Amino acid sequence: MWGSILALHGRYPRRLRNLKDGWWDDDVHVEVLCALATWRNELDDNGEDPREELAFHTQIRDYSRILEKEGGSIANEWKPGAPPDSWATKSIPRNPPANPPEPRA
């Protein structure tokens, strides 16, 4: 997944320019970036409906605005490269089960 996120950043550097170093320690950023990277890969592999492409660009634009509002110093800007050691132990959500288990009573 790290490679897919690197590819996403390489493809949309302006949209992800405000991504801060250490984003991988924030579950929300991890989940959003994994979702966007997966979605982009699926569009590239199987995209047939142009509305999906438009929806993707709307979502990455919205995420870009969130990153911009978080602000911070240019010194904290993420420089894409090798994953940090903590990435290997990160629990990254995969495809959720179609029928999640019922809560226990």
C-alpha atoms as a PDB file:
ATOM      1  CA  MET A   1       0.000   0.000   0.000  1.00  0.00           C
ATOM      2  CA  TRP A   2       2.919   2.351   0.697  1.00  0.00           C
ATOM      3  CA  GLY A   3       3.896   2.141  -2.974  1.00  0.00           C
ATOM      4  CA  SER A   4       0.363   3.009  -4.055  1.00  0.00           C
ATOM      5  CA  ILE A   5       0.384   6.067  -1.794  1.00  0.00           C
ATOM      6  CA  LEU A   6       3.752   7.119  -3.238  1.00  0.00           C
ATOM      7  CA  ALA A   7       2.289   6.744  -6.733  1.00  0.00           C
ATOM      8  CA  LEU A   8      -0.763   8.796  -5.738  1.00  0.00           C
ATOM      9  CA  HIS A   9       1.479  11.558  -4.389  1.00  0.00           C
ATOM     10  CA  GLY A  10       3.584  11.445  -7.554  1.00  0.00           C
ATOM     11  CA  ARG A  11       0.503  11.722  -9.733  1.00  0.00           C
ATOM     12  CA  TYR A  12      -1.184  14.484  -7.703  1.00  0.00           C
ATOM     13  CA  PRO A  13       1.656  16.409  -6.025  1.00  0.00           C
ATOM     14  CA  ARG A  14      -0.278  19.690  -5.893  1.00  0.00           C
ATOM     15  CA  ARG A  15      -3.257  18.070  -4.180  1.00  0.00           C
ATOM     16  CA  LEU A  16      -1.079  16.314  -1.609  1.00  0.00           C
ATOM     17  CA  ARG A  17       1.584  18.997  -1.130  1.00  0.00           C
ATOM     18  CA  ASN A  18       0.342  19.821   2.387  1.00  0.00           C
ATOM     19  CA  LEU A  19       0.710  16.260   3.644  1.00  0.00           C
ATOM     20  CA  LYS A  20       2.856  16.453   6.755  1.00  0.00           C
ATOM     21  CA  ASP A  21       5.646  14.188   7.876  1.00  0.00           C
ATOM     22  CA  GLY A  22       4.276  11.577  10.271  1.00  0.00           C
ATOM     23  CA  TRP A  23       0.871  11.307   8.559  1.00  0.00           C
ATOM     24  CA  TRP A  24       1.163   7.524   8.969  1.00  0.00           C
ATOM     25  CA  ASP A  25       0.681   7.956  12.720  1.00  0.00           C
ATOM     26  CA  ASP A  26      -2.815   9.384  12.162  1.00  0.00           C
ATOM     27  CA  ASP A  27      -5.366   6.665  11.390  1.00  0.00           C
ATOM     28  CA  VAL A  28      -7.634   9.075   9.524  1.00  0.00           C
ATOM     29  CA  HIS A  29      -4.867  10.085   7.123  1.00  0.00           C
ATOM     30  CA  VAL A  30      -3.851   6.449   6.652  1.00  0.00           C
ATOM     31  CA  GLU A  31      -7.402   5.355   5.878  1.00  0.00           C
ATOM     32  CA  VAL A  32      -8.116   8.263   3.514  1.00  0.00           C
ATOM     33  CA  LEU A  33      -4.853   7.838   1.611  1.00  0.00           C
ATOM     34  CA  CYS A  34      -5.304   4.067   1.367  1.00  0.00           C
ATOM     35  CA  ALA A  35      -8.863   4.561   0.112  1.00  0.00           C
ATOM     36  CA  LEU A  36      -7.806   7.162  -2.461  1.00  0.00           C
ATOM     37  CA  ALA A  37      -4.876   5.027  -3.650  1.00  0.00           C
ATOM     38  CA  THR A  38      -7.068   1.937  -3.958  1.00  0.00           C
ATOM     39  CA  TRP A  39      -9.780   3.895  -5.750  1.00  0.00           C
ATOM     40  CA  ARG A  40      -7.223   5.381  -8.180  1.00  0.00           C
ATOM     41  CA  ASN A  41      -5.840   1.909  -8.935  1.00  0.00           C
ATOM     42  CA  GLU A  42      -9.341   0.562  -9.552  1.00  0.00           C
ATOM     43  CA  LEU A  43     -10.154   3.473 -11.869  1.00  0.00           C
ATOM     44  CA  ASP A  44      -6.956   2.893 -13.813  1.00  0.00           C
ATOM     45  CA  ASP A  45      -7.628  -0.840 -14.092  1.00  0.00           C
ATOM     46  CA  ASN A  46     -11.395  -0.910 -14.630  1.00  0.00           C
ATOM     47  CA  GLY A  47     -12.692   2.633 -14.904  1.00  0.00           C
ATOM     48  CA  GLU A  48     -15.493   2.806 -17.412  1.00  0.00           C
ATOM     49  CA  ASP A  49     -17.858   5.383 -15.949  1.00  0.00           C
ATOM     50  CA  PRO A  50     -16.572   8.967 -16.255  1.00  0.00           C
ATOM     51  CA  ARG A  51     -18.694   9.925 -13.251  1.00  0.00           C
ATOM     52  CA  GLU A  52     -16.395   7.810 -11.084  1.00  0.00           C
ATOM     53  CA  GLU A  53     -13.414   9.800 -12.348  1.00  0.00           C
ATOM     54  CA  LEU A  54     -15.189  13.039 -11.488  1.00  0.00           C
ATOM     55  CA  ALA A  55     -16.100  11.725  -8.041  1.00  0.00           C
ATOM     56  CA  PHE A  56     -12.480  10.726  -7.387  1.00  0.00           C
ATOM     57  CA  HIS A  57     -11.224  14.188  -8.301  1.00  0.00           C
ATOM     58  CA  THR A  58     -13.831  15.781  -6.057  1.00  0.00           C
ATOM     59  CA  GLN A  59     -12.694  13.630  -3.139  1.00  0.00           C
ATOM     60  CA  ILE A  60      -8.984  14.272  -3.608  1.00  0.00           C
ATOM     61  CA  ARG A  61      -9.713  18.013  -3.915  1.00  0.00           C
ATOM     62  CA  ASP A  62     -11.705  17.914  -0.668  1.00  0.00           C
ATOM     63  CA  TYR A  63      -8.906  16.032   1.083  1.00  0.00           C
ATOM     64  CA  SER A  64      -6.418  18.596  -0.239  1.00  0.00           C
ATOM     65  CA  ARG A  65      -8.464  21.347   1.391  1.00  0.00           C
ATOM     66  CA  ILE A  66      -8.457  19.472   4.694  1.00  0.00           C
ATOM     67  CA  LEU A  67      -4.670  19.165   4.525  1.00  0.00           C
ATOM     68  CA  GLU A  68      -4.377  22.859   3.743  1.00  0.00           C
ATOM     69  CA  LYS A  69      -6.546  23.803   6.744  1.00  0.00           C
ATOM     70  CA  GLU A  70      -4.407  21.646   9.044  1.00  0.00           C
ATOM     71  CA  GLY A  71      -1.558  23.999   8.177  1.00  0.00           C
ATOM     72  CA  GLY A  72       1.835  23.662   9.695  1.00  0.00           C
ATOM     73  CA  SER A  73       5.357  24.534   8.779  1.00  0.00           C
ATOM     74  CA  ILE A  74       6.971  23.812   5.429  1.00  0.00           C
ATOM     75  CA  ALA A  75       9.664  22.139   7.540  1.00  0.00           C
ATOM     76  CA  ASN A  76       7.101  19.451   8.417  1.00  0.00           C
ATOM     77  CA  GLU A  77       6.287  18.684   4.772  1.00  0.00           C
ATOM     78  CA  TRP A  78       6.430  14.987   3.911  1.00  0.00           C
ATOM     79  CA  LYS A  79       9.180  13.947   1.538  1.00  0.00           C
ATOM     80  CA  PRO A  80       8.097  10.712  -0.202  1.00  0.00           C
ATOM     81  CA  GLY A  81      10.497   7.845   0.183  1.00  0.00           C
ATOM     82  CA  ALA A  82      10.950   4.561   1.989  1.00  0.00           C
ATOM     83  CA  PRO A  83       8.307   3.696   4.576  1.00  0.00           C
ATOM     84  CA  PRO A  84       9.107   4.337   8.222  1.00  0.00           C
ATOM     85  CA  ASP A  85       9.737   1.309  10.429  1.00  0.00           C
ATOM     86  CA  SER A  86       6.351   1.767  12.098  1.00  0.00           C
ATOM     87  CA  TRP A  87       4.563   1.261   8.752  1.00  0.00           C
ATOM     88  CA  ALA A  88       5.373  -2.461   8.731  1.00  0.00           C
ATOM     89  CA  THR A  89       3.386  -2.983  11.929  1.00  0.00           C
ATOM     90  CA  LYS A  90       0.487  -0.740  10.910  1.00  0.00           C
ATOM     91  CA  SER A  91      -2.884  -2.418  10.659  1.00  0.00           C
ATOM     92  CA  ILE A  92      -4.219  -1.215   7.332  1.00  0.00           C
ATOM     93  CA  PRO A  93      -7.883  -1.898   6.665  1.00  0.00           C
ATOM     94  CA  ARG A  94      -8.430  -4.191   3.738  1.00  0.00           C
ATOM     95  CA  ASN A  95     -11.756  -4.902   2.107  1.00  0.00           C
ATOM     96  CA  PRO A  96     -14.308  -5.137   4.933  1.00  0.00           C
ATOM     97  CA  PRO A  97     -16.423  -8.276   5.110  1.00  0.00           C
ATOM     98  CA  ALA A  98     -19.622  -8.120   3.068  1.00  0.00           C
ATOM     99  CA  ASN A  99     -21.687  -9.144   6.085  1.00  0.00           C
ATOM    100  CA  PRO A 100     -20.109  -7.914   9.301  1.00  0.00           C
ATOM    101  CA  PRO A 101     -20.764 -10.099  12.330  1.00  0.00           C
ATOM    102  CA  GLU A 102     -23.782  -9.239  14.465  1.00  0.00           C
ATOM    103  CA  PRO A 103     -22.996  -7.622  17.827  1.00  0.00           C
ATOM    104  CA  ARG A 104     -23.155  -9.973  20.745  1.00  0.00           C
ATOM    105  CA  ALA A 105     -25.953  -9.507  23.227  1.00  0.00           C
END
